[in-house]
Amino acid sequence: MADKIKILVALLLVVAGVIGYYALGDSAAVLRVLAVLLGVLAAAGVFWTSALGKQFFSFAKDSVAESKRVVWPTRRETVQTTGVVILFAVVMSLFLWAVDASLMAVVNLLMGRGD
């Protein structure tokens, strides 16, 4: 039950930050944005103390570690793959154009509109 209350408080802090943004309508934009940021940071702090928050931040930490282990393609591999995709798209569009034009010619011939 305590975790649900913490999550509710976190949501209320985000809402308070947004309300602060609109309440400071005549103030400088920096203060308005700061109100939202403070609300979000306070909400993150409260959310982090809940069990769900700890699971989420642990998942986020593991996700960052996993993304660091990814072997990204080199520039050359990226350019070659992009070239193959573009070439395939051009060839496929020409093929589909030829099929469409052929079918249109056959339909026109069957309907007696052929030249």
N, C-alpha and C. Protein backbone atom coordinates (compact mmCIF):
# COMPACT_ATOMS: atom_id res chain seq x y z
N MET A 1 0.82 -1.20 0.00
CA MET A 1 0.00 0.00 0.00
C MET A 1 0.87 1.26 0.00
N ALA A 2 2.01 1.17 0.68
CA ALA A 2 2.89 2.33 0.76
C ALA A 2 3.46 2.68 -0.62
N ASP A 3 3.72 1.63 -1.43
CA ASP A 3 4.24 1.88 -2.77
C ASP A 3 3.22 2.60 -3.64
N LYS A 4 1.96 2.23 -3.49
CA LYS A 4 0.91 2.90 -4.27
C LYS A 4 0.80 4.37 -3.88
N ILE A 5 0.96 4.64 -2.60
CA ILE A 5 0.91 6.03 -2.13
C ILE A 5 2.10 6.81 -2.69
N LYS A 6 3.28 6.18 -2.71
CA LYS A 6 4.47 6.85 -3.26
C LYS A 6 4.28 7.16 -4.74
N ILE A 7 3.70 6.22 -5.47
CA ILE A 7 3.47 6.46 -6.90
C ILE A 7 2.46 7.56 -7.10
N LEU A 8 1.42 7.59 -6.27
CA LEU A 8 0.42 8.65 -6.35
C LEU A 8 1.05 10.01 -6.03
N VAL A 9 1.90 10.05 -5.02
CA VAL A 9 2.59 11.30 -4.67
C VAL A 9 3.49 11.74 -5.82
N ALA A 10 4.16 10.81 -6.46
CA ALA A 10 5.01 11.14 -7.61
C ALA A 10 4.18 11.74 -8.74
N LEU A 11 3.04 11.16 -9.02
CA LEU A 11 2.17 11.72 -10.06
C LEU A 11 1.68 13.10 -9.67
N LEU A 12 1.34 13.28 -8.41
CA LEU A 12 0.88 14.59 -7.95
C LEU A 12 1.99 15.64 -8.05
N LEU A 13 3.24 15.23 -7.83
CA LEU A 13 4.35 16.17 -7.97
C LEU A 13 4.53 16.60 -9.43
N VAL A 14 4.34 15.68 -10.36
CA VAL A 14 4.42 16.06 -11.78
C VAL A 14 3.29 17.03 -12.11
N VAL A 15 2.10 16.73 -11.62
CA VAL A 15 0.96 17.62 -11.86
C VAL A 15 1.22 18.98 -11.23
N ALA A 16 1.81 19.00 -10.04
CA ALA A 16 2.12 20.27 -9.38
C ALA A 16 3.13 21.08 -10.20
N GLY A 17 4.09 20.41 -10.81
CA GLY A 17 5.04 21.10 -11.67
C GLY A 17 4.37 21.72 -12.88
N VAL A 18 3.44 21.00 -13.48
CA VAL A 18 2.72 21.53 -14.64
C VAL A 18 1.82 22.69 -14.21
N ILE A 19 1.16 22.56 -13.08
CA ILE A 19 0.33 23.66 -12.56
C ILE A 19 1.20 24.87 -12.27
N GLY A 20 2.40 24.63 -11.72
CA GLY A 20 3.33 25.73 -11.47
C GLY A 20 3.73 26.44 -12.76
N TYR A 21 3.85 25.69 -13.83
CA TYR A 21 4.19 26.27 -15.13
C TYR A 21 3.13 27.28 -15.55
N TYR A 22 1.88 26.88 -15.41
CA TYR A 22 0.79 27.78 -15.82
C TYR A 22 0.53 28.87 -14.79
N ALA A 23 0.80 28.59 -13.51
CA ALA A 23 0.61 29.61 -12.48
C ALA A 23 1.62 30.74 -12.63
N LEU A 24 2.79 30.42 -13.15
CA LEU A 24 3.84 31.43 -13.36
C LEU A 24 3.76 31.98 -14.78
N GLY A 25 2.58 32.12 -15.30
CA GLY A 25 2.38 32.56 -16.68
C GLY A 25 2.99 33.90 -17.01
N ASP A 26 3.05 34.80 -16.04
CA ASP A 26 3.62 36.13 -16.28
C ASP A 26 5.12 36.19 -16.00
N SER A 27 5.66 35.13 -15.47
CA SER A 27 7.09 35.10 -15.12
C SER A 27 7.94 34.73 -16.33
N ALA A 28 9.24 34.78 -16.14
CA ALA A 28 10.18 34.42 -17.20
C ALA A 28 10.01 32.94 -17.56
N ALA A 29 10.30 32.64 -18.80
CA ALA A 29 10.17 31.26 -19.28
C ALA A 29 11.07 30.31 -18.51
N VAL A 30 12.22 30.80 -18.07
CA VAL A 30 13.15 29.96 -17.33
C VAL A 30 12.52 29.49 -16.02
N LEU A 31 11.82 30.38 -15.34
CA LEU A 31 11.17 30.00 -14.09
C LEU A 31 10.05 29.00 -14.33
N ARG A 32 9.33 29.18 -15.42
CA ARG A 32 8.23 28.27 -15.72
C ARG A 32 8.75 26.87 -16.01
N VAL A 33 9.82 26.79 -16.80
CA VAL A 33 10.40 25.48 -17.11
C VAL A 33 11.03 24.87 -15.86
N LEU A 34 11.63 25.71 -15.03
CA LEU A 34 12.23 25.23 -13.79
C LEU A 34 11.17 24.62 -12.88
N ALA A 35 9.97 25.18 -12.86
CA ALA A 35 8.89 24.62 -12.05
C ALA A 35 8.55 23.21 -12.50
N VAL A 36 8.48 23.00 -13.81
CA VAL A 36 8.18 21.66 -14.33
C VAL A 36 9.33 20.71 -14.01
N LEU A 37 10.56 21.15 -14.23
CA LEU A 37 11.71 20.29 -13.96
C LEU A 37 11.79 19.89 -12.49
N LEU A 38 11.53 20.83 -11.59
CA LEU A 38 11.55 20.51 -10.17
C LEU A 38 10.46 19.50 -9.83
N GLY A 39 9.29 19.67 -10.43
CA GLY A 39 8.22 18.70 -10.20
C GLY A 39 8.58 17.32 -10.69
N VAL A 40 9.18 17.24 -11.87
CA VAL A 40 9.57 15.95 -12.43
C VAL A 40 10.70 15.32 -11.63
N LEU A 41 11.69 16.11 -11.23
CA LEU A 41 12.80 15.58 -10.43
C LEU A 41 12.33 15.10 -9.06
N ALA A 42 11.47 15.87 -8.43
CA ALA A 42 10.93 15.44 -7.14
C ALA A 42 10.11 14.17 -7.30
N ALA A 43 9.34 14.08 -8.37
CA ALA A 43 8.55 12.88 -8.64
C ALA A 43 9.46 11.68 -8.87
N ALA A 44 10.56 11.89 -9.61
CA ALA A 44 11.50 10.80 -9.85
C ALA A 44 12.13 10.32 -8.55
N GLY A 45 12.44 11.27 -7.67
CA GLY A 45 13.00 10.90 -6.37
C GLY A 45 12.03 10.08 -5.54
N VAL A 46 10.78 10.49 -5.51
CA VAL A 46 9.77 9.74 -4.75
C VAL A 46 9.52 8.38 -5.41
N PHE A 47 9.42 8.36 -6.73
CA PHE A 47 9.17 7.11 -7.46
C PHE A 47 10.31 6.13 -7.24
N TRP A 48 11.54 6.63 -7.16
CA TRP A 48 12.71 5.77 -6.98
C TRP A 48 12.67 5.02 -5.66
N THR A 49 12.00 5.59 -4.65
CA THR A 49 11.94 4.94 -3.34
C THR A 49 10.91 3.81 -3.31
N SER A 50 10.05 3.71 -4.32
CA SER A 50 9.07 2.63 -4.34
C SER A 50 9.69 1.37 -4.94
N ALA A 51 9.05 0.24 -4.71
CA ALA A 51 9.56 -1.03 -5.25
C ALA A 51 9.51 -1.02 -6.78
N LEU A 52 8.42 -0.51 -7.33
CA LEU A 52 8.29 -0.42 -8.79
C LEU A 52 9.35 0.50 -9.37
N GLY A 53 9.63 1.60 -8.68
CA GLY A 53 10.67 2.53 -9.12
C GLY A 53 12.05 1.90 -9.12
N LYS A 54 12.33 1.12 -8.08
CA LYS A 54 13.64 0.45 -8.02
C LYS A 54 13.78 -0.56 -9.15
N GLN A 55 12.68 -1.27 -9.46
CA GLN A 55 12.72 -2.21 -10.58
C GLN A 55 12.94 -1.47 -11.89
N PHE A 56 12.26 -0.35 -12.06
CA PHE A 56 12.40 0.43 -13.29
C PHE A 56 13.81 0.95 -13.46
N PHE A 57 14.38 1.55 -12.42
CA PHE A 57 15.73 2.10 -12.53
C PHE A 57 16.77 0.99 -12.70
N SER A 58 16.53 -0.19 -12.12
CA SER A 58 17.43 -1.32 -12.33
C SER A 58 17.35 -1.77 -13.79
N PHE A 59 16.14 -1.82 -14.34
CA PHE A 59 15.96 -2.18 -15.74
C PHE A 59 16.64 -1.16 -16.65
N ALA A 60 16.48 0.13 -16.33
CA ALA A 60 17.12 1.17 -17.15
C ALA A 60 18.64 1.05 -17.10
N LYS A 61 19.18 0.76 -15.93
CA LYS A 61 20.63 0.60 -15.79
C LYS A 61 21.11 -0.60 -16.60
N ASP A 62 20.37 -1.71 -16.55
CA ASP A 62 20.73 -2.89 -17.34
C ASP A 62 20.62 -2.61 -18.84
N SER A 63 19.63 -1.82 -19.23
CA SER A 63 19.46 -1.49 -20.65
C SER A 63 20.64 -0.67 -21.17
N VAL A 64 21.11 0.27 -20.36
CA VAL A 64 22.26 1.07 -20.77
C VAL A 64 23.50 0.17 -20.89
N ALA A 65 23.68 -0.73 -19.93
CA ALA A 65 24.82 -1.64 -19.99
C ALA A 65 24.73 -2.54 -21.23
N GLU A 66 23.54 -2.99 -21.56
CA GLU A 66 23.36 -3.86 -22.74
C GLU A 66 23.64 -3.09 -24.03
N SER A 67 23.21 -1.83 -24.08
CA SER A 67 23.44 -1.06 -25.30
C SER A 67 24.93 -0.77 -25.51
N LYS A 68 25.69 -0.77 -24.44
CA LYS A 68 27.14 -0.57 -24.58
C LYS A 68 27.82 -1.81 -25.15
N ARG A 69 27.17 -2.98 -25.03
CA ARG A 69 27.74 -4.22 -25.54
C ARG A 69 27.41 -4.46 -27.01
N VAL A 70 26.54 -3.66 -27.58
CA VAL A 70 26.14 -3.84 -28.97
C VAL A 70 27.32 -3.51 -29.88
N VAL A 71 27.53 -4.34 -30.87
CA VAL A 71 28.58 -4.08 -31.85
C VAL A 71 27.94 -3.33 -33.01
N TRP A 72 28.22 -2.04 -33.08
CA TRP A 72 27.62 -1.20 -34.11
C TRP A 72 28.38 -1.36 -35.42
N PRO A 73 27.67 -1.28 -36.55
CA PRO A 73 28.36 -1.44 -37.84
C PRO A 73 29.30 -0.26 -38.11
N THR A 74 30.31 -0.55 -38.90
CA THR A 74 31.25 0.51 -39.28
C THR A 74 30.57 1.41 -40.31
N ARG A 75 31.21 2.52 -40.60
CA ARG A 75 30.66 3.45 -41.59
C ARG A 75 30.55 2.77 -42.96
N ARG A 76 31.58 2.01 -43.30
CA ARG A 76 31.57 1.32 -44.60
C ARG A 76 30.41 0.34 -44.70
N GLU A 77 30.20 -0.45 -43.63
CA GLU A 77 29.10 -1.41 -43.64
C GLU A 77 27.75 -0.70 -43.75
N THR A 78 27.62 0.42 -43.06
CA THR A 78 26.37 1.18 -43.10
C THR A 78 26.10 1.72 -44.50
N VAL A 79 27.14 2.27 -45.14
CA VAL A 79 26.98 2.81 -46.49
C VAL A 79 26.65 1.69 -47.47
N GLN A 80 27.31 0.53 -47.35
CA GLN A 80 27.04 -0.58 -48.25
C GLN A 80 25.61 -1.10 -48.07
N THR A 81 25.18 -1.24 -46.84
CA THR A 81 23.82 -1.73 -46.59
C THR A 81 22.79 -0.75 -47.11
N THR A 82 23.03 0.53 -46.91
CA THR A 82 22.12 1.55 -47.41
C THR A 82 22.06 1.50 -48.94
N GLY A 83 23.19 1.33 -49.57
CA GLY A 83 23.23 1.23 -51.03
C GLY A 83 22.44 0.03 -51.54
N VAL A 84 22.57 -1.11 -50.87
CA VAL A 84 21.82 -2.30 -51.27
C VAL A 84 20.32 -2.06 -51.13
N VAL A 85 19.90 -1.42 -50.04
CA VAL A 85 18.48 -1.14 -49.82
C VAL A 85 17.95 -0.20 -50.90
N ILE A 86 18.70 0.85 -51.20
CA ILE A 86 18.26 1.80 -52.23
C ILE A 86 18.20 1.12 -53.60
N LEU A 87 19.21 0.32 -53.93
CA LEU A 87 19.22 -0.41 -55.20
C LEU A 87 18.03 -1.35 -55.29
N PHE A 88 17.74 -2.06 -54.23
CA PHE A 88 16.59 -2.97 -54.22
C PHE A 88 15.29 -2.19 -54.42
N ALA A 89 15.16 -1.05 -53.78
CA ALA A 89 13.95 -0.25 -53.92
C ALA A 89 13.78 0.23 -55.36
N VAL A 90 14.87 0.64 -56.00
CA VAL A 90 14.80 1.09 -57.40
C VAL A 90 14.43 -0.07 -58.32
N VAL A 91 15.07 -1.21 -58.15
CA VAL A 91 14.78 -2.37 -58.98
C VAL A 91 13.33 -2.82 -58.79
N MET A 92 12.88 -2.86 -57.55
CA MET A 92 11.51 -3.28 -57.28
C MET A 92 10.50 -2.30 -57.87
N SER A 93 10.79 -1.01 -57.79
CA SER A 93 9.86 -0.02 -58.36
C SER A 93 9.81 -0.15 -59.88
N LEU A 94 10.95 -0.41 -60.52
CA LEU A 94 10.95 -0.61 -61.98
C LEU A 94 10.18 -1.87 -62.35
N PHE A 95 10.35 -2.93 -61.58
CA PHE A 95 9.62 -4.17 -61.83
C PHE A 95 8.12 -3.95 -61.69
N LEU A 96 7.71 -3.29 -60.62
CA LEU A 96 6.28 -3.05 -60.42
C LEU A 96 5.72 -2.12 -61.50
N TRP A 97 6.51 -1.16 -61.95
CA TRP A 97 6.06 -0.28 -63.04
C TRP A 97 5.86 -1.10 -64.32
N ALA A 98 6.80 -2.01 -64.59
CA ALA A 98 6.69 -2.84 -65.80
C ALA A 98 5.47 -3.75 -65.73
N VAL A 99 5.23 -4.36 -64.59
CA VAL A 99 4.05 -5.22 -64.43
C VAL A 99 2.78 -4.40 -64.59
N ASP A 100 2.72 -3.22 -63.98
CA ASP A 100 1.54 -2.36 -64.08
C ASP A 100 1.30 -1.93 -65.53
N ALA A 101 2.36 -1.52 -66.21
CA ALA A 101 2.22 -1.08 -67.61
C ALA A 101 1.79 -2.25 -68.50
N SER A 102 2.33 -3.43 -68.25
CA SER A 102 1.95 -4.61 -69.04
C SER A 102 0.48 -4.96 -68.81
N LEU A 103 0.05 -4.97 -67.59
CA LEU A 103 -1.35 -5.28 -67.29
C LEU A 103 -2.28 -4.22 -67.88
N MET A 104 -1.87 -2.97 -67.82
CA MET A 104 -2.69 -1.90 -68.40
C MET A 104 -2.80 -2.08 -69.91
N ALA A 105 -1.72 -2.49 -70.57
CA ALA A 105 -1.75 -2.71 -72.02
C ALA A 105 -2.67 -3.89 -72.35
N VAL A 106 -2.60 -4.95 -71.56
CA VAL A 106 -3.46 -6.11 -71.79
C VAL A 106 -4.93 -5.73 -71.59
N VAL A 107 -5.25 -5.00 -70.55
CA VAL A 107 -6.63 -4.58 -70.29
C VAL A 107 -7.12 -3.68 -71.43
N ASN A 108 -6.30 -2.74 -71.85
CA ASN A 108 -6.68 -1.86 -72.97
C ASN A 108 -6.91 -2.65 -74.25
N LEU A 109 -6.08 -3.67 -74.50
CA LEU A 109 -6.22 -4.50 -75.68
C LEU A 109 -7.51 -5.30 -75.63
N LEU A 110 -7.81 -5.85 -74.46
CA LEU A 110 -9.04 -6.64 -74.30
C LEU A 110 -10.29 -5.78 -74.41
N MET A 111 -10.19 -4.52 -74.03
CA MET A 111 -11.36 -3.62 -74.10
C MET A 111 -11.46 -2.92 -75.44
N GLY A 112 -10.55 -3.19 -76.33
CA GLY A 112 -10.61 -2.60 -77.67
C GLY A 112 -10.12 -1.17 -77.72
N ARG A 113 -9.35 -0.76 -76.77
CA ARG A 113 -8.81 0.61 -76.78
C ARG A 113 -7.35 0.63 -77.22
N GLY A 114 -6.84 -0.49 -77.64
CA GLY A 114 -5.44 -0.56 -78.04
C GLY A 114 -5.20 0.19 -79.35
N ASP A 115 -4.03 0.74 -79.50
CA ASP A 115 -3.70 1.48 -80.72
C ASP A 115 -3.22 0.56 -81.80
